Amino acid sequence: TQPSLFVGGTDDPMWNGAVARELGEAVEIDGADHGLARIEHAPRVAK
């Protein structure tokens, strides 16, 4: 029942953007994989 923010990437096989948007706020990072480890992802996640 509590709010959720989902952050994932289009290259992550475990990510489903449609489900994330259904369940709460969603940030989908183009090209991000399951590690979400690239430094260029940091600003989007932090913001």
All heavy atoms as atom14 arrays in JSON, in Angstrom:
{
  "sequence": "TQPSLFVGGTDDPMWNGAVARELGEAVEIDGADHGLARIEHAPRVAK",
  "atom14_mask": [
    [1, 1, 1, 1, 1, 1, 1, 0, 0, 0, 0, 0, 0, 0],
    [1, 1, 1, 1, 1, 1, 1, 1, 1, 0, 0, 0, 0, 0],
    [1, 1, 1, 1, 1, 1, 1, 0, 0, 0, 0, 0, 0, 0],
    [1, 1, 1, 1, 1, 1, 0, 0, 0, 0, 0, 0, 0, 0],
    [1, 1, 1, 1, 1, 1, 1, 1, 0, 0, 0, 0, 0, 0],
    [1, 1, 1, 1, 1, 1, 1, 1, 1, 1, 1, 0, 0, 0],
    [1, 1, 1, 1, 1, 1, 1, 0, 0, 0, 0, 0, 0, 0],
    [1, 1, 1, 1, 0, 0, 0, 0, 0, 0, 0, 0, 0, 0],
    [1, 1, 1, 1, 0, 0, 0, 0, 0, 0, 0, 0, 0, 0],
    [1, 1, 1, 1, 1, 1, 1, 0, 0, 0, 0, 0, 0, 0],
    [1, 1, 1, 1, 1, 1, 1, 1, 0, 0, 0, 0, 0, 0],
    [1, 1, 1, 1, 1, 1, 1, 1, 0, 0, 0, 0, 0, 0],
    [1, 1, 1, 1, 1, 1, 1, 0, 0, 0, 0, 0, 0, 0],
    [1, 1, 1, 1, 1, 1, 1, 1, 0, 0, 0, 0, 0, 0],
    [1, 1, 1, 1, 1, 1, 1, 1, 1, 1, 1, 1, 1, 1],
    [1, 1, 1, 1, 1, 1, 1, 1, 0, 0, 0, 0, 0, 0],
    [1, 1, 1, 1, 0, 0, 0, 0, 0, 0, 0, 0, 0, 0],
    [1, 1, 1, 1, 1, 0, 0, 0, 0, 0, 0, 0, 0, 0],
    [1, 1, 1, 1, 1, 1, 1, 0, 0, 0, 0, 0, 0, 0],
    [1, 1, 1, 1, 1, 0, 0, 0, 0, 0, 0, 0, 0, 0],
    [1, 1, 1, 1, 1, 1, 1, 1, 1, 1, 1, 0, 0, 0],
    [1, 1, 1, 1, 1, 1, 1, 1, 1, 0, 0, 0, 0, 0],
    [1, 1, 1, 1, 1, 1, 1, 1, 0, 0, 0, 0, 0, 0],
    [1, 1, 1, 1, 0, 0, 0, 0, 0, 0, 0, 0, 0, 0],
    [1, 1, 1, 1, 1, 1, 1, 1, 1, 0, 0, 0, 0, 0],
    [1, 1, 1, 1, 1, 0, 0, 0, 0, 0, 0, 0, 0, 0],
    [1, 1, 1, 1, 1, 1, 1, 0, 0, 0, 0, 0, 0, 0],
    [1, 1, 1, 1, 1, 1, 1, 1, 1, 0, 0, 0, 0, 0],
    [1, 1, 1, 1, 1, 1, 1, 1, 0, 0, 0, 0, 0, 0],
    [1, 1, 1, 1, 1, 1, 1, 1, 0, 0, 0, 0, 0, 0],
    [1, 1, 1, 1, 0, 0, 0, 0, 0, 0, 0, 0, 0, 0],
    [1, 1, 1, 1, 1, 0, 0, 0, 0, 0, 0, 0, 0, 0],
    [1, 1, 1, 1, 1, 1, 1, 1, 0, 0, 0, 0, 0, 0],
    [1, 1, 1, 1, 1, 1, 1, 1, 1, 1, 0, 0, 0, 0],
    [1, 1, 1, 1, 0, 0, 0, 0, 0, 0, 0, 0, 0, 0],
    [1, 1, 1, 1, 1, 1, 1, 1, 0, 0, 0, 0, 0, 0],
    [1, 1, 1, 1, 1, 0, 0, 0, 0, 0, 0, 0, 0, 0],
    [1, 1, 1, 1, 1, 1, 1, 1, 1, 1, 1, 0, 0, 0],
    [1, 1, 1, 1, 1, 1, 1, 1, 0, 0, 0, 0, 0, 0],
    [1, 1, 1, 1, 1, 1, 1, 1, 1, 0, 0, 0, 0, 0],
    [1, 1, 1, 1, 1, 1, 1, 1, 1, 1, 0, 0, 0, 0],
    [1, 1, 1, 1, 1, 0, 0, 0, 0, 0, 0, 0, 0, 0],
    [1, 1, 1, 1, 1, 1, 1, 0, 0, 0, 0, 0, 0, 0],
    [1, 1, 1, 1, 1, 1, 1, 1, 1, 1, 1, 0, 0, 0],
    [1, 1, 1, 1, 1, 1, 1, 0, 0, 0, 0, 0, 0, 0],
    [1, 1, 1, 1, 1, 0, 0, 0, 0, 0, 0, 0, 0, 0],
    [1, 1, 1, 1, 1, 1, 1, 1, 1, 0, 0, 0, 0, 0]
  ],
  "atom14_positions": [
    [[0.81, -1.21, 0.0], [0.0, 0.0, 0.0], [0.85, 1.27, 0.0], [0.34, 2.34, -0.29], [-0.93, 0.05, 1.23], [-0.13, 0.09, 2.42], [-1.85, -1.17, 1.26], [0.0, 0.0, 0.0], [0.0, 0.0, 0.0], [0.0, 0.0, 0.0], [0.0, 0.0, 0.0], [0.0, 0.0, 0.0], [0.0, 0.0, 0.0], [0.0, 0.0, 0.0]],
    [[2.13, 1.15, 0.32], [3.01, 2.31, 0.41], [3.58, 2.65, -0.97], [3.71, 1.79, -1.83], [4.15, 2.04, 1.4], [3.67, 1.88, 2.83], [3.06, 3.17, 3.36], [3.6, 4.26, 3.17], [1.91, 3.05, 4.02], [0.0, 0.0, 0.0], [0.0, 0.0, 0.0], [0.0, 0.0, 0.0], [0.0, 0.0, 0.0], [0.0, 0.0, 0.0]],
    [[3.97, 3.91, -1.17], [4.49, 4.32, -2.48], [5.82, 3.65, -2.82], [6.61, 3.33, -1.92], [4.67, 5.84, -2.35], [4.68, 6.12, -0.89], [3.93, 5.02, -0.22], [0.0, 0.0, 0.0], [0.0, 0.0, 0.0], [0.0, 0.0, 0.0], [0.0, 0.0, 0.0], [0.0, 0.0, 0.0], [0.0, 0.0, 0.0], [0.0, 0.0, 0.0]],
    [[6.03, 3.47, -4.1], [7.25, 2.84, -4.59], [7.8, 3.6, -5.79], [7.05, 4.1, -6.62], [6.98, 1.4, -5.03], [6.69, 0.57, -3.93], [0.0, 0.0, 0.0], [0.0, 0.0, 0.0], [0.0, 0.0, 0.0], [0.0, 0.0, 0.0], [0.0, 0.0, 0.0], [0.0, 0.0, 0.0], [0.0, 0.0, 0.0], [0.0, 0.0, 0.0]],
    [[9.13, 3.6, -5.86], [9.86, 4.09, -7.03], [10.63, 2.91, -7.59], [11.36, 2.24, -6.86], [10.83, 5.2, -6.62], [11.85, 5.63, -7.7], [11.14, 6.29, -8.88], [12.9, 6.56, -7.09], [0.0, 0.0, 0.0], [0.0, 0.0, 0.0], [0.0, 0.0, 0.0], [0.0, 0.0, 0.0], [0.0, 0.0, 0.0], [0.0, 0.0, 0.0]],
    [[10.46, 2.66, -8.88], [11.15, 1.57, -9.56], [12.16, 2.16, -10.53], [11.83, 3.05, -11.31], [10.14, 0.7, -10.34], [9.16, 0.0, -9.45], [7.99, 0.63, -9.06], [9.42, -1.28, -9.0], [7.08, -0.02, -8.23], [8.52, -1.93, -8.17], [7.35, -1.29, -7.78], [0.0, 0.0, 0.0], [0.0, 0.0, 0.0], [0.0, 0.0, 0.0]],
    [[13.4, 1.65, -10.46], [14.45, 2.12, -11.34], [15.07, 0.91, -12.03], [15.53, -0.02, -11.36], [15.55, 2.89, -10.57], [16.62, 3.38, -11.53], [14.94, 4.06, -9.79], [0.0, 0.0, 0.0], [0.0, 0.0, 0.0], [0.0, 0.0, 0.0], [0.0, 0.0, 0.0], [0.0, 0.0, 0.0], [0.0, 0.0, 0.0], [0.0, 0.0, 0.0]],
    [[15.04, 0.9, -13.35], [15.6, -0.22, -14.09], [15.99, 0.2, -15.49], [15.78, 1.35, -15.88], [0.0, 0.0, 0.0], [0.0, 0.0, 0.0], [0.0, 0.0, 0.0], [0.0, 0.0, 0.0], [0.0, 0.0, 0.0], [0.0, 0.0, 0.0], [0.0, 0.0, 0.0], [0.0, 0.0, 0.0], [0.0, 0.0, 0.0], [0.0, 0.0, 0.0]],
    [[16.54, -0.76, -16.21], [17.05, -0.44, -17.53], [16.49, -1.32, -18.62], [16.09, -2.46, -18.39], [0.0, 0.0, 0.0], [0.0, 0.0, 0.0], [0.0, 0.0, 0.0], [0.0, 0.0, 0.0], [0.0, 0.0, 0.0], [0.0, 0.0, 0.0], [0.0, 0.0, 0.0], [0.0, 0.0, 0.0], [0.0, 0.0, 0.0], [0.0, 0.0, 0.0]],
    [[16.52, -0.79, -19.81], [15.96, -1.49, -20.97], [16.76, -2.73, -21.35], [16.24, -3.6, -22.04], [15.89, -0.55, -22.18], [17.19, -0.04, -22.47], [14.92, 0.61, -21.93], [0.0, 0.0, 0.0], [0.0, 0.0, 0.0], [0.0, 0.0, 0.0], [0.0, 0.0, 0.0], [0.0, 0.0, 0.0], [0.0, 0.0, 0.0], [0.0, 0.0, 0.0]],
    [[18.02, -2.85, -20.89], [18.83, -4.03, -21.2], [18.88, -5.02, -20.04], [19.72, -5.91, -20.02], [20.25, -3.63, -21.6], [20.29, -2.99, -22.98], [19.26, -3.0, -23.68], [21.36, -2.46, -23.35], [0.0, 0.0, 0.0], [0.0, 0.0, 0.0], [0.0, 0.0, 0.0], [0.0, 0.0, 0.0], [0.0, 0.0, 0.0], [0.0, 0.0, 0.0]],
    [[17.98, -4.87, -19.08], [17.9, -5.78, -17.93], [16.78, -6.79, -18.19], [15.62, -6.42, -18.29], [17.59, -4.98, -16.67], [17.48, -5.82, -15.41], [17.54, -7.07, -15.5], [17.33, -5.23, -14.33], [0.0, 0.0, 0.0], [0.0, 0.0, 0.0], [0.0, 0.0, 0.0], [0.0, 0.0, 0.0], [0.0, 0.0, 0.0], [0.0, 0.0, 0.0]],
    [[17.12, -8.1, -18.3], [16.08, -9.09, -18.57], [15.07, -9.24, -17.42], [14.01, -9.82, -17.61], [16.87, -10.39, -18.78], [18.17, -10.17, -18.1], [18.45, -8.69, -18.2], [0.0, 0.0, 0.0], [0.0, 0.0, 0.0], [0.0, 0.0, 0.0], [0.0, 0.0, 0.0], [0.0, 0.0, 0.0], [0.0, 0.0, 0.0], [0.0, 0.0, 0.0]],
    [[15.37, -8.7, -16.27], [14.47, -8.79, -15.12], [13.55, -7.57, -15.01], [12.66, -7.54, -14.18], [15.28, -8.98, -13.84], [16.04, -10.28, -13.87], [17.15, -10.41, -12.48], [18.15, -11.79, -13.04], [0.0, 0.0, 0.0], [0.0, 0.0, 0.0], [0.0, 0.0, 0.0], [0.0, 0.0, 0.0], [0.0, 0.0, 0.0], [0.0, 0.0, 0.0]],
    [[13.77, -6.58, -15.85], [13.0, -5.34, -15.84], [11.78, -5.47, -16.73], [11.82, -6.05, -17.81], [13.87, -4.19, -16.32], [13.17, -2.88, -16.46], [12.8, -2.28, -17.64], [12.75, -2.01, -15.42], [12.19, -1.07, -17.37], [12.13, -0.89, -16.01], [12.81, -2.07, -14.02], [11.6, 0.16, -15.27], [12.29, -1.02, -13.28], [11.69, 0.07, -13.9]],
    [[10.67, -4.89, -16.31], [9.46, -4.8, -17.11], [8.89, -3.41, -16.87], [8.26, -3.16, -15.83], [8.46, -5.9, -16.7], [7.22, -5.88, -17.56], [6.72, -4.82, -17.94], [6.7, -7.05, -17.84], [0.0, 0.0, 0.0], [0.0, 0.0, 0.0], [0.0, 0.0, 0.0], [0.0, 0.0, 0.0], [0.0, 0.0, 0.0], [0.0, 0.0, 0.0]],
    [[9.16, -2.5, -17.79], [8.74, -1.12, -17.62], [7.25, -0.94, -17.45], [6.8, -0.12, -16.66], [0.0, 0.0, 0.0], [0.0, 0.0, 0.0], [0.0, 0.0, 0.0], [0.0, 0.0, 0.0], [0.0, 0.0, 0.0], [0.0, 0.0, 0.0], [0.0, 0.0, 0.0], [0.0, 0.0, 0.0], [0.0, 0.0, 0.0], [0.0, 0.0, 0.0]],
    [[6.46, -1.73, -18.18], [5.01, -1.61, -18.06], [4.54, -1.98, -16.66], [3.7, -1.29, -16.07], [4.32, -2.49, -19.11], [0.0, 0.0, 0.0], [0.0, 0.0, 0.0], [0.0, 0.0, 0.0], [0.0, 0.0, 0.0], [0.0, 0.0, 0.0], [0.0, 0.0, 0.0], [0.0, 0.0, 0.0], [0.0, 0.0, 0.0], [0.0, 0.0, 0.0]],
    [[5.09, -3.05, -16.1], [4.73, -3.46, -14.74], [5.19, -2.41, -13.74], [4.46, -2.05, -12.82], [5.31, -4.86, -14.41], [5.15, -5.18, -12.92], [4.63, -5.93, -15.25], [0.0, 0.0, 0.0], [0.0, 0.0, 0.0], [0.0, 0.0, 0.0], [0.0, 0.0, 0.0], [0.0, 0.0, 0.0], [0.0, 0.0, 0.0], [0.0, 0.0, 0.0]],
    [[6.4, -1.9, -13.9], [6.91, -0.87, -12.99], [5.99, 0.35, -12.97], [5.65, 0.86, -11.9], [8.33, -0.48, -13.39], [0.0, 0.0, 0.0], [0.0, 0.0, 0.0], [0.0, 0.0, 0.0], [0.0, 0.0, 0.0], [0.0, 0.0, 0.0], [0.0, 0.0, 0.0], [0.0, 0.0, 0.0], [0.0, 0.0, 0.0], [0.0, 0.0, 0.0]],
    [[5.56, 0.81, -14.14], [4.69, 1.98, -14.22], [3.32, 1.69, -13.61], [2.68, 2.59, -13.04], [4.56, 2.45, -15.67], [5.86, 3.1, -16.19], [5.73, 3.65, -17.59], [5.62, 2.62, -18.61], [6.66, 1.94, -19.11], [7.89, 2.17, -18.68], [6.48, 1.03, -20.04], [0.0, 0.0, 0.0], [0.0, 0.0, 0.0], [0.0, 0.0, 0.0]],
    [[2.87, 0.46, -13.71], [1.6, 0.07, -13.11], [1.68, 0.11, -11.58], [0.72, 0.45, -10.9], [1.23, -1.35, -13.57], [0.03, -1.95, -12.87], [-0.09, -3.44, -13.12], [0.38, -3.94, -14.16], [-0.65, -4.13, -12.24], [0.0, 0.0, 0.0], [0.0, 0.0, 0.0], [0.0, 0.0, 0.0], [0.0, 0.0, 0.0], [0.0, 0.0, 0.0]],
    [[2.84, -0.26, -11.04], [2.99, -0.41, -9.59], [3.41, 0.86, -8.86], [3.28, 0.93, -7.63], [4.03, -1.5, -9.29], [3.65, -2.92, -9.74], [4.82, -3.86, -9.57], [2.43, -3.4, -8.97], [0.0, 0.0, 0.0], [0.0, 0.0, 0.0], [0.0, 0.0, 0.0], [0.0, 0.0, 0.0], [0.0, 0.0, 0.0], [0.0, 0.0, 0.0]],
    [[3.93, 1.84, -9.56], [4.38, 3.06, -8.89], [5.08, 3.97, -9.86], [4.91, 3.87, -11.06], [0.0, 0.0, 0.0], [0.0, 0.0, 0.0], [0.0, 0.0, 0.0], [0.0, 0.0, 0.0], [0.0, 0.0, 0.0], [0.0, 0.0, 0.0], [0.0, 0.0, 0.0], [0.0, 0.0, 0.0], [0.0, 0.0, 0.0], [0.0, 0.0, 0.0]],
    [[5.88, 4.87, -9.31], [6.71, 5.72, -10.16], [7.78, 4.85, -10.79], [8.28, 3.93, -10.16], [7.39, 6.81, -9.33], [6.45, 7.83, -8.75], [7.21, 8.89, -7.97], [8.22, 9.41, -8.47], [6.78, 9.17, -6.84], [0.0, 0.0, 0.0], [0.0, 0.0, 0.0], [0.0, 0.0, 0.0], [0.0, 0.0, 0.0], [0.0, 0.0, 0.0]],
    [[8.16, 5.17, -12.02], [9.17, 4.37, -12.7], [10.14, 5.25, -13.46], [9.75, 6.22, -14.1], [8.51, 3.38, -13.67], [0.0, 0.0, 0.0], [0.0, 0.0, 0.0], [0.0, 0.0, 0.0], [0.0, 0.0, 0.0], [0.0, 0.0, 0.0], [0.0, 0.0, 0.0], [0.0, 0.0, 0.0], [0.0, 0.0, 0.0], [0.0, 0.0, 0.0]],
    [[11.41, 4.9, -13.34], [12.48, 5.53, -14.11], [13.13, 4.43, -14.91], [13.67, 3.47, -14.34], [13.51, 6.23, -13.2], [14.68, 6.73, -14.01], [12.85, 7.36, -12.42], [0.0, 0.0, 0.0], [0.0, 0.0, 0.0], [0.0, 0.0, 0.0], [0.0, 0.0, 0.0], [0.0, 0.0, 0.0], [0.0, 0.0, 0.0], [0.0, 0.0, 0.0]],
    [[13.02, 4.53, -16.22], [13.59, 3.53, -17.12], [14.79, 4.15, -17.82], [14.66, 5.17, -18.5], [12.54, 3.07, -18.12], [12.98, 1.93, -18.97], [11.82, 1.35, -19.76], [11.41, 1.98, -20.76], [11.32, 0.3, -19.36], [0.0, 0.0, 0.0], [0.0, 0.0, 0.0], [0.0, 0.0, 0.0], [0.0, 0.0, 0.0], [0.0, 0.0, 0.0]],
    [[15.95, 3.52, -17.64], [17.18, 4.05, -18.19], [17.54, 3.26, -19.44], [17.81, 2.04, -19.36], [18.31, 4.0, -17.15], [17.91, 4.82, -15.92], [19.62, 4.52, -17.75], [18.85, 4.71, -14.75], [0.0, 0.0, 0.0], [0.0, 0.0, 0.0], [0.0, 0.0, 0.0], [0.0, 0.0, 0.0], [0.0, 0.0, 0.0], [0.0, 0.0, 0.0]],
    [[17.54, 3.94, -20.56], [17.84, 3.3, -21.83], [19.26, 2.73, -21.82], [20.22, 3.43, -21.5], [17.68, 4.32, -22.97], [17.71, 3.67, -24.33], [17.1, 2.59, -24.5], [18.35, 4.24, -25.24], [0.0, 0.0, 0.0], [0.0, 0.0, 0.0], [0.0, 0.0, 0.0], [0.0, 0.0, 0.0], [0.0, 0.0, 0.0], [0.0, 0.0, 0.0]],
    [[19.37, 1.45, -22.13], [20.66, 0.79, -22.21], [21.22, 0.26, -20.9], [22.25, -0.41, -20.9], [0.0, 0.0, 0.0], [0.0, 0.0, 0.0], [0.0, 0.0, 0.0], [0.0, 0.0, 0.0], [0.0, 0.0, 0.0], [0.0, 0.0, 0.0], [0.0, 0.0, 0.0], [0.0, 0.0, 0.0], [0.0, 0.0, 0.0], [0.0, 0.0, 0.0]],
    [[20.58, 0.54, -19.78], [21.09, 0.05, -18.5], [20.77, -1.43, -18.35], [19.68, -1.89, -18.7], [20.48, 0.83, -17.34], [0.0, 0.0, 0.0], [0.0, 0.0, 0.0], [0.0, 0.0, 0.0], [0.0, 0.0, 0.0], [0.0, 0.0, 0.0], [0.0, 0.0, 0.0], [0.0, 0.0, 0.0], [0.0, 0.0, 0.0], [0.0, 0.0, 0.0]],
    [[21.73, -2.17, -17.8], [21.52, -3.6, -17.56], [21.23, -3.84, -16.08], [21.05, -2.89, -15.31], [22.72, -4.42, -18.06], [24.01, -4.1, -17.34], [24.0, -3.5, -16.25], [25.06, -4.46, -17.89], [0.0, 0.0, 0.0], [0.0, 0.0, 0.0], [0.0, 0.0, 0.0], [0.0, 0.0, 0.0], [0.0, 0.0, 0.0], [0.0, 0.0, 0.0]],
    [[21.2, -5.09, -15.68], [20.81, -5.42, -14.31], [21.8, -4.9, -13.27], [21.42, -4.64, -12.13], [20.62, -6.94, -14.16], [19.96, -7.31, -12.87], [18.64, -7.01, -12.61], [20.44, -7.92, -11.76], [18.33, -7.43, -11.39], [19.4, -7.99, -10.86], [0.0, 0.0, 0.0], [0.0, 0.0, 0.0], [0.0, 0.0, 0.0], [0.0, 0.0, 0.0]],
    [[23.04, -4.7, -13.63], [24.01, -4.17, -12.69], [23.76, -2.72, -12.33], [24.1, -2.28, -11.24], [0.0, 0.0, 0.0], [0.0, 0.0, 0.0], [0.0, 0.0, 0.0], [0.0, 0.0, 0.0], [0.0, 0.0, 0.0], [0.0, 0.0, 0.0], [0.0, 0.0, 0.0], [0.0, 0.0, 0.0], [0.0, 0.0, 0.0], [0.0, 0.0, 0.0]],
    [[23.19, -1.97, -13.24], [22.96, -0.53, -13.06], [24.22, 0.11, -12.48], [24.19, 0.9, -11.55], [21.76, -0.28, -12.13], [21.17, 1.13, -12.11], [20.63, 1.53, -13.47], [20.08, 1.23, -11.07], [0.0, 0.0, 0.0], [0.0, 0.0, 0.0], [0.0, 0.0, 0.0], [0.0, 0.0, 0.0], [0.0, 0.0, 0.0], [0.0, 0.0, 0.0]],
    [[25.35, -0.26, -13.05], [26.64, 0.08, -12.45], [27.44, 1.14, -13.2], [28.48, 1.55, -12.71], [27.49, -1.18, -12.33], [0.0, 0.0, 0.0], [0.0, 0.0, 0.0], [0.0, 0.0, 0.0], [0.0, 0.0, 0.0], [0.0, 0.0, 0.0], [0.0, 0.0, 0.0], [0.0, 0.0, 0.0], [0.0, 0.0, 0.0], [0.0, 0.0, 0.0]],
    [[26.95, 1.58, -14.33], [27.73, 2.56, -15.1], [27.59, 3.94, -14.47], [26.5, 4.35, -14.09], [27.29, 2.56, -16.55], [27.53, 1.17, -17.2], [27.18, 1.17, -18.65], [27.96, 2.12, -19.39], [29.12, 1.84, -19.99], [29.62, 0.63, -19.93], [29.77, 2.77, -20.66], [0.0, 0.0, 0.0], [0.0, 0.0, 0.0], [0.0, 0.0, 0.0]],
    [[28.69, 4.65, -14.38], [28.71, 5.95, -13.72], [27.73, 6.93, -14.36], [27.16, 7.78, -13.66], [30.15, 6.52, -13.65], [30.22, 7.67, -12.65], [30.64, 6.95, -15.02], [30.04, 7.27, -11.23], [0.0, 0.0, 0.0], [0.0, 0.0, 0.0], [0.0, 0.0, 0.0], [0.0, 0.0, 0.0], [0.0, 0.0, 0.0], [0.0, 0.0, 0.0]],
    [[27.47, 6.78, -15.65], [26.52, 7.7, -16.28], [25.09, 7.46, -15.8], [24.2, 8.28, -16.03], [26.6, 7.66, -17.81], [26.25, 6.35, -18.43], [27.47, 5.49, -18.78], [28.56, 5.69, -18.23], [27.31, 4.59, -19.61], [0.0, 0.0, 0.0], [0.0, 0.0, 0.0], [0.0, 0.0, 0.0], [0.0, 0.0, 0.0], [0.0, 0.0, 0.0]],
    [[24.82, 6.33, -15.12], [23.49, 6.08, -14.57], [23.28, 6.82, -13.25], [22.15, 7.07, -12.84], [23.28, 4.59, -14.31], [23.42, 3.75, -15.53], [23.89, 2.47, -15.49], [23.17, 3.99, -16.84], [23.93, 1.96, -16.71], [23.5, 2.88, -17.54], [0.0, 0.0, 0.0], [0.0, 0.0, 0.0], [0.0, 0.0, 0.0], [0.0, 0.0, 0.0]],
    [[24.36, 7.14, -12.57], [24.29, 7.74, -11.23], [23.4, 8.98, -11.17], [22.55, 9.07, -10.27], [25.69, 8.03, -10.71], [0.0, 0.0, 0.0], [0.0, 0.0, 0.0], [0.0, 0.0, 0.0], [0.0, 0.0, 0.0], [0.0, 0.0, 0.0], [0.0, 0.0, 0.0], [0.0, 0.0, 0.0], [0.0, 0.0, 0.0], [0.0, 0.0, 0.0]],
    [[23.55, 9.96, -12.07], [22.71, 11.16, -11.95], [21.22, 10.88, -12.06], [20.41, 11.48, -11.34], [23.19, 12.06, -13.09], [24.58, 11.6, -13.4], [24.55, 10.11, -13.13], [0.0, 0.0, 0.0], [0.0, 0.0, 0.0], [0.0, 0.0, 0.0], [0.0, 0.0, 0.0], [0.0, 0.0, 0.0], [0.0, 0.0, 0.0], [0.0, 0.0, 0.0]],
    [[20.83, 9.98, -12.96], [19.39, 9.66, -13.11], [18.84, 9.0, -11.85], [17.75, 9.31, -11.4], [19.15, 8.72, -14.3], [19.38, 9.29, -15.66], [18.19, 9.95, -16.35], [16.86, 9.41, -16.26], [16.31, 8.55, -17.14], [17.0, 8.11, -18.17], [15.08, 8.16, -16.98], [0.0, 0.0, 0.0], [0.0, 0.0, 0.0], [0.0, 0.0, 0.0]],
    [[19.63, 8.05, -11.3], [19.2, 7.37, -10.08], [19.11, 8.38, -8.94], [18.09, 8.46, -8.23], [20.16, 6.22, -9.72], [19.78, 5.6, -8.38], [20.16, 5.16, -10.82], [0.0, 0.0, 0.0], [0.0, 0.0, 0.0], [0.0, 0.0, 0.0], [0.0, 0.0, 0.0], [0.0, 0.0, 0.0], [0.0, 0.0, 0.0], [0.0, 0.0, 0.0]],
    [[20.16, 9.18, -8.76], [20.19, 10.14, -7.66], [19.04, 11.15, -7.76], [18.37, 11.45, -6.75], [21.53, 10.86, -7.63], [0.0, 0.0, 0.0], [0.0, 0.0, 0.0], [0.0, 0.0, 0.0], [0.0, 0.0, 0.0], [0.0, 0.0, 0.0], [0.0, 0.0, 0.0], [0.0, 0.0, 0.0], [0.0, 0.0, 0.0], [0.0, 0.0, 0.0]],
    [[18.79, 11.66, -8.95], [17.72, 12.65, -9.13], [16.35, 12.04, -8.8], [15.52, 12.66, -8.12], [17.72, 13.17, -10.57], [16.69, 14.23, -10.84], [16.77, 14.74, -12.27], [15.69, 15.77, -12.52], [15.69, 16.25, -13.9], [0.0, 0.0, 0.0], [0.0, 0.0, 0.0], [0.0, 0.0, 0.0], [0.0, 0.0, 0.0], [0.0, 0.0, 0.0]]
  ]
}
